[in-house]
Amino acid sequence: VREKNGYLREVITLHFADSDTAQGLVYIATEDNAAYLGDAPTAEIARQIAEARGPSGPNRDYLLNLDQALRALDVEDAHVAELARHVRHLDSETSDA
């Protein structure tokens, strides 16, 4: 349900470090998607994530769970980690207010 907001649904081939491959499902936001921010600053993207909520729950939970899962797998994704850091910072500002 979360990705029904105008995302393209694509099946792609995933390539792993051990040379294995698998089919994966990805959702891509294009410029005609109402939620697409383009080359917006990371802080602005994080703010949108922190405020977004839908039938599947808060988008911030999806991001923070993704960040945690990637870390548990020792996968470094600088963009996800930076977004998560910003969202945690926004959360701390909200709880301090």
C-alpha atoms as a PDB file:
ATOM      1  CA  VAL A   1       0.000   0.000   0.000  1.00  0.00           C
ATOM      2  CA  ARG A   2       2.844   2.395   0.894  1.00  0.00           C
ATOM      3  CA  GLU A   3       4.173   2.438  -2.670  1.00  0.00           C
ATOM      4  CA  LYS A   4       0.835   3.036  -4.419  1.00  0.00           C
ATOM      5  CA  ASN A   5       1.440   6.801  -4.512  1.00  0.00           C
ATOM      6  CA  GLY A   6       2.395   6.874  -8.191  1.00  0.00           C
ATOM      7  CA  TYR A   7       5.568   4.809  -8.024  1.00  0.00           C
ATOM      8  CA  LEU A   8       6.761   2.686 -10.924  1.00  0.00           C
ATOM      9  CA  ARG A   9       6.915  -1.001  -9.989  1.00  0.00           C
ATOM     10  CA  GLU A  10       9.899  -2.752 -11.575  1.00  0.00           C
ATOM     11  CA  VAL A  11      11.334  -6.257 -11.311  1.00  0.00           C
ATOM     12  CA  ILE A  12      15.122  -6.120 -11.582  1.00  0.00           C
ATOM     13  CA  THR A  13      18.047  -8.504 -11.289  1.00  0.00           C
ATOM     14  CA  LEU A  14      19.909  -8.067  -8.001  1.00  0.00           C
ATOM     15  CA  HIS A  15      23.655  -8.768  -8.007  1.00  0.00           C
ATOM     16  CA  PHE A  16      25.316  -9.881  -4.775  1.00  0.00           C
ATOM     17  CA  ALA A  17      28.936  -9.737  -3.618  1.00  0.00           C
ATOM     18  CA  ASP A  18      29.248 -13.551  -3.899  1.00  0.00           C
ATOM     19  CA  SER A  19      28.209 -13.319  -7.606  1.00  0.00           C
ATOM     20  CA  ASP A  20      24.735 -14.721  -6.936  1.00  0.00           C
ATOM     21  CA  THR A  21      21.745 -13.032  -8.506  1.00  0.00           C
ATOM     22  CA  ALA A  22      18.047 -12.921  -7.686  1.00  0.00           C
ATOM     23  CA  GLN A  23      14.953 -11.138  -8.906  1.00  0.00           C
ATOM     24  CA  GLY A  24      13.955  -8.146  -6.793  1.00  0.00           C
ATOM     25  CA  LEU A  25      10.977  -5.827  -6.731  1.00  0.00           C
ATOM     26  CA  VAL A  26      11.682  -2.083  -6.547  1.00  0.00           C
ATOM     27  CA  TYR A  27       9.470   0.983  -6.531  1.00  0.00           C
ATOM     28  CA  ILE A  28      10.773   4.103  -8.268  1.00  0.00           C
ATOM     29  CA  ALA A  29       9.465   7.629  -7.759  1.00  0.00           C
ATOM     30  CA  THR A  30       9.445   9.609 -10.977  1.00  0.00           C
ATOM     31  CA  GLU A  31       9.044  13.347 -11.443  1.00  0.00           C
ATOM     32  CA  ASP A  32       5.287  12.992 -11.939  1.00  0.00           C
ATOM     33  CA  ASN A  33       4.900  11.429  -8.460  1.00  0.00           C
ATOM     34  CA  ALA A  34       3.321  13.898  -5.997  1.00  0.00           C
ATOM     35  CA  ALA A  35       5.821  12.823  -3.310  1.00  0.00           C
ATOM     36  CA  TYR A  36       8.919  13.226  -5.545  1.00  0.00           C
ATOM     37  CA  LEU A  37      11.357  15.834  -4.228  1.00  0.00           C
ATOM     38  CA  GLY A  38      14.060  15.460  -6.895  1.00  0.00           C
ATOM     39  CA  ASP A  39      17.437  16.837  -5.890  1.00  0.00           C
ATOM     40  CA  ALA A  40      16.110  18.291  -2.639  1.00  0.00           C
ATOM     41  CA  PRO A  41      18.501  18.665   0.301  1.00  0.00           C
ATOM     42  CA  THR A  42      18.732  15.617   2.544  1.00  0.00           C
ATOM     43  CA  ALA A  43      17.186  17.547   5.440  1.00  0.00           C
ATOM     44  CA  GLU A  44      14.099  18.336   3.344  1.00  0.00           C
ATOM     45  CA  ILE A  45      13.712  14.707   2.254  1.00  0.00           C
ATOM     46  CA  ALA A  46      14.093  13.604   5.899  1.00  0.00           C
ATOM     47  CA  ARG A  47      11.439  16.107   6.991  1.00  0.00           C
ATOM     48  CA  GLN A  48       9.005  14.700   4.421  1.00  0.00           C
ATOM     49  CA  ILE A  49       9.756  11.141   5.577  1.00  0.00           C
ATOM     50  CA  ALA A  50       9.327  12.119   9.235  1.00  0.00           C
ATOM     51  CA  GLU A  51       5.891  13.612   8.539  1.00  0.00           C
ATOM     52  CA  ALA A  52       4.547  11.043   6.040  1.00  0.00           C
ATOM     53  CA  ARG A  53       2.031   8.475   7.225  1.00  0.00           C
ATOM     54  CA  GLY A  54      -0.258   6.073   5.404  1.00  0.00           C
ATOM     55  CA  PRO A  55      -2.221   2.850   5.829  1.00  0.00           C
ATOM     56  CA  SER A  56       1.065   0.942   6.282  1.00  0.00           C
ATOM     57  CA  GLY A  57       2.144   3.227   9.135  1.00  0.00           C
ATOM     58  CA  PRO A  58       4.631   6.072   9.529  1.00  0.00           C
ATOM     59  CA  ASN A  59       7.210   6.388   6.772  1.00  0.00           C
ATOM     60  CA  ARG A  60       9.820   7.220   9.429  1.00  0.00           C
ATOM     61  CA  ASP A  61       9.425   3.659  10.807  1.00  0.00           C
ATOM     62  CA  TYR A  62      10.029   2.187   7.349  1.00  0.00           C
ATOM     63  CA  LEU A  63      13.226   4.252   6.975  1.00  0.00           C
ATOM     64  CA  LEU A  64      14.559   3.528  10.458  1.00  0.00           C
ATOM     65  CA  ASN A  65      13.830  -0.211  10.103  1.00  0.00           C
ATOM     66  CA  LEU A  66      15.574  -0.223   6.720  1.00  0.00           C
ATOM     67  CA  ASP A  67      18.614   1.523   8.203  1.00  0.00           C
ATOM     68  CA  GLN A  68      18.726  -0.967  11.078  1.00  0.00           C
ATOM     69  CA  ALA A  69      18.374  -3.972   8.731  1.00  0.00           C
ATOM     70  CA  LEU A  70      21.155  -2.723   6.443  1.00  0.00           C
ATOM     71  CA  ARG A  71      23.467  -2.182   9.413  1.00  0.00           C
ATOM     72  CA  ALA A  72      22.694  -5.695  10.713  1.00  0.00           C
ATOM     73  CA  LEU A  73      23.743  -7.057   7.317  1.00  0.00           C
ATOM     74  CA  ASP A  74      26.910  -4.895   7.332  1.00  0.00           C
ATOM     75  CA  VAL A  75      25.626  -3.081   4.247  1.00  0.00           C
ATOM     76  CA  GLU A  76      26.686   0.533   3.956  1.00  0.00           C
ATOM     77  CA  ASP A  77      24.154   2.830   2.299  1.00  0.00           C
ATOM     78  CA  ALA A  78      25.288   6.387   2.949  1.00  0.00           C
ATOM     79  CA  HIS A  79      22.035   7.937   1.713  1.00  0.00           C
ATOM     80  CA  VAL A  80      19.795   5.770   3.917  1.00  0.00           C
ATOM     81  CA  ALA A  81      22.101   6.295   6.932  1.00  0.00           C
ATOM     82  CA  GLU A  82      22.120  10.079   6.449  1.00  0.00           C
ATOM     83  CA  LEU A  83      18.326  10.220   6.082  1.00  0.00           C
ATOM     84  CA  ALA A  84      17.930   8.099   9.226  1.00  0.00           C
ATOM     85  CA  ARG A  85      20.298  10.391  11.133  1.00  0.00           C
ATOM     86  CA  HIS A  86      18.260  13.432  10.100  1.00  0.00           C
ATOM     87  CA  VAL A  87      14.949  11.760  11.034  1.00  0.00           C
ATOM     88  CA  ARG A  88      16.331  10.760  14.448  1.00  0.00           C
ATOM     89  CA  HIS A  89      17.443  14.366  14.938  1.00  0.00           C
ATOM     90  CA  LEU A  90      13.956  15.611  14.018  1.00  0.00           C
ATOM     91  CA  ASP A  91      12.469  13.066  16.452  1.00  0.00           C
ATOM     92  CA  SER A  92      14.728  14.362  19.253  1.00  0.00           C
ATOM     93  CA  GLU A  93      13.729  17.960  18.495  1.00  0.00           C
ATOM     94  CA  THR A  94      10.057  16.985  18.699  1.00  0.00           C
ATOM     95  CA  SER A  95      10.501  15.133  21.995  1.00  0.00           C
ATOM     96  CA  ASP A  96      12.443  18.089  23.473  1.00  0.00           C
ATOM     97  CA  ALA A  97       9.671  20.548  22.593  1.00  0.00           C
END
